Amino acid sequence: INSEGVARKYYPGDILPLWHEEIEATGSLLDLL
């Protein structure tokens, strides 16, 4: 838990949106299948 909290503090907000976009793209592919 500590490592995750530190990562969230150090990583800029720009990385999170990109990560979410990847999940959304994967979800859309799963829906097509």
C-alpha atoms as a PDB file:
ATOM      1  CA  ILE A   1       0.000   0.000   0.000  1.00  0.00           C
ATOM      2  CA  ASN A   2       2.842   2.385   0.839  1.00  0.00           C
ATOM      3  CA  SER A   3       4.485   1.838  -2.548  1.00  0.00           C
ATOM      4  CA  GLU A   4       1.203   2.598  -4.331  1.00  0.00           C
ATOM      5  CA  GLY A   5       0.647   5.774  -2.309  1.00  0.00           C
ATOM      6  CA  VAL A   6       4.170   6.986  -3.077  1.00  0.00           C
ATOM      7  CA  ALA A   7       3.775   6.156  -6.767  1.00  0.00           C
ATOM      8  CA  ARG A   8       0.545   8.167  -6.969  1.00  0.00           C
ATOM      9  CA  LYS A   9       2.270  11.157  -5.362  1.00  0.00           C
ATOM     10  CA  TYR A  10       5.330  11.027  -7.623  1.00  0.00           C
ATOM     11  CA  TYR A  11       3.630  10.167 -10.920  1.00  0.00           C
ATOM     12  CA  PRO A  12       2.133  13.209 -12.695  1.00  0.00           C
ATOM     13  CA  GLY A  13      -1.609  13.270 -13.444  1.00  0.00           C
ATOM     14  CA  ASP A  14      -0.880  12.914 -17.168  1.00  0.00           C
ATOM     15  CA  ILE A  15       0.126   9.261 -16.737  1.00  0.00           C
ATOM     16  CA  LEU A  16      -3.147   8.246 -15.076  1.00  0.00           C
ATOM     17  CA  PRO A  17      -5.432   9.418 -17.942  1.00  0.00           C
ATOM     18  CA  LEU A  18      -3.264   7.569 -20.478  1.00  0.00           C
ATOM     19  CA  TRP A  19      -3.474   4.425 -18.360  1.00  0.00           C
ATOM     20  CA  HIS A  20      -7.268   4.741 -18.206  1.00  0.00           C
ATOM     21  CA  GLU A  21      -7.430   5.226 -21.981  1.00  0.00           C
ATOM     22  CA  GLU A  22      -5.572   1.943 -22.459  1.00  0.00           C
ATOM     23  CA  ILE A  23      -8.126   0.176 -20.253  1.00  0.00           C
ATOM     24  CA  GLU A  24     -11.007   1.709 -22.207  1.00  0.00           C
ATOM     25  CA  ALA A  25      -9.453   0.596 -25.516  1.00  0.00           C
ATOM     26  CA  THR A  26      -9.008  -2.939 -24.174  1.00  0.00           C
ATOM     27  CA  GLY A  27     -12.607  -2.969 -22.911  1.00  0.00           C
ATOM     28  CA  SER A  28     -13.913  -1.931 -26.338  1.00  0.00           C
ATOM     29  CA  LEU A  29     -11.940  -4.750 -27.977  1.00  0.00           C
ATOM     30  CA  LEU A  30     -13.396  -7.245 -25.491  1.00  0.00           C
ATOM     31  CA  ASP A  31     -16.890  -5.950 -26.280  1.00  0.00           C
ATOM     32  CA  LEU A  32     -16.308  -6.511 -30.012  1.00  0.00           C
ATOM     33  CA  LEU A  33     -15.197 -10.077 -29.320  1.00  0.00           C
END
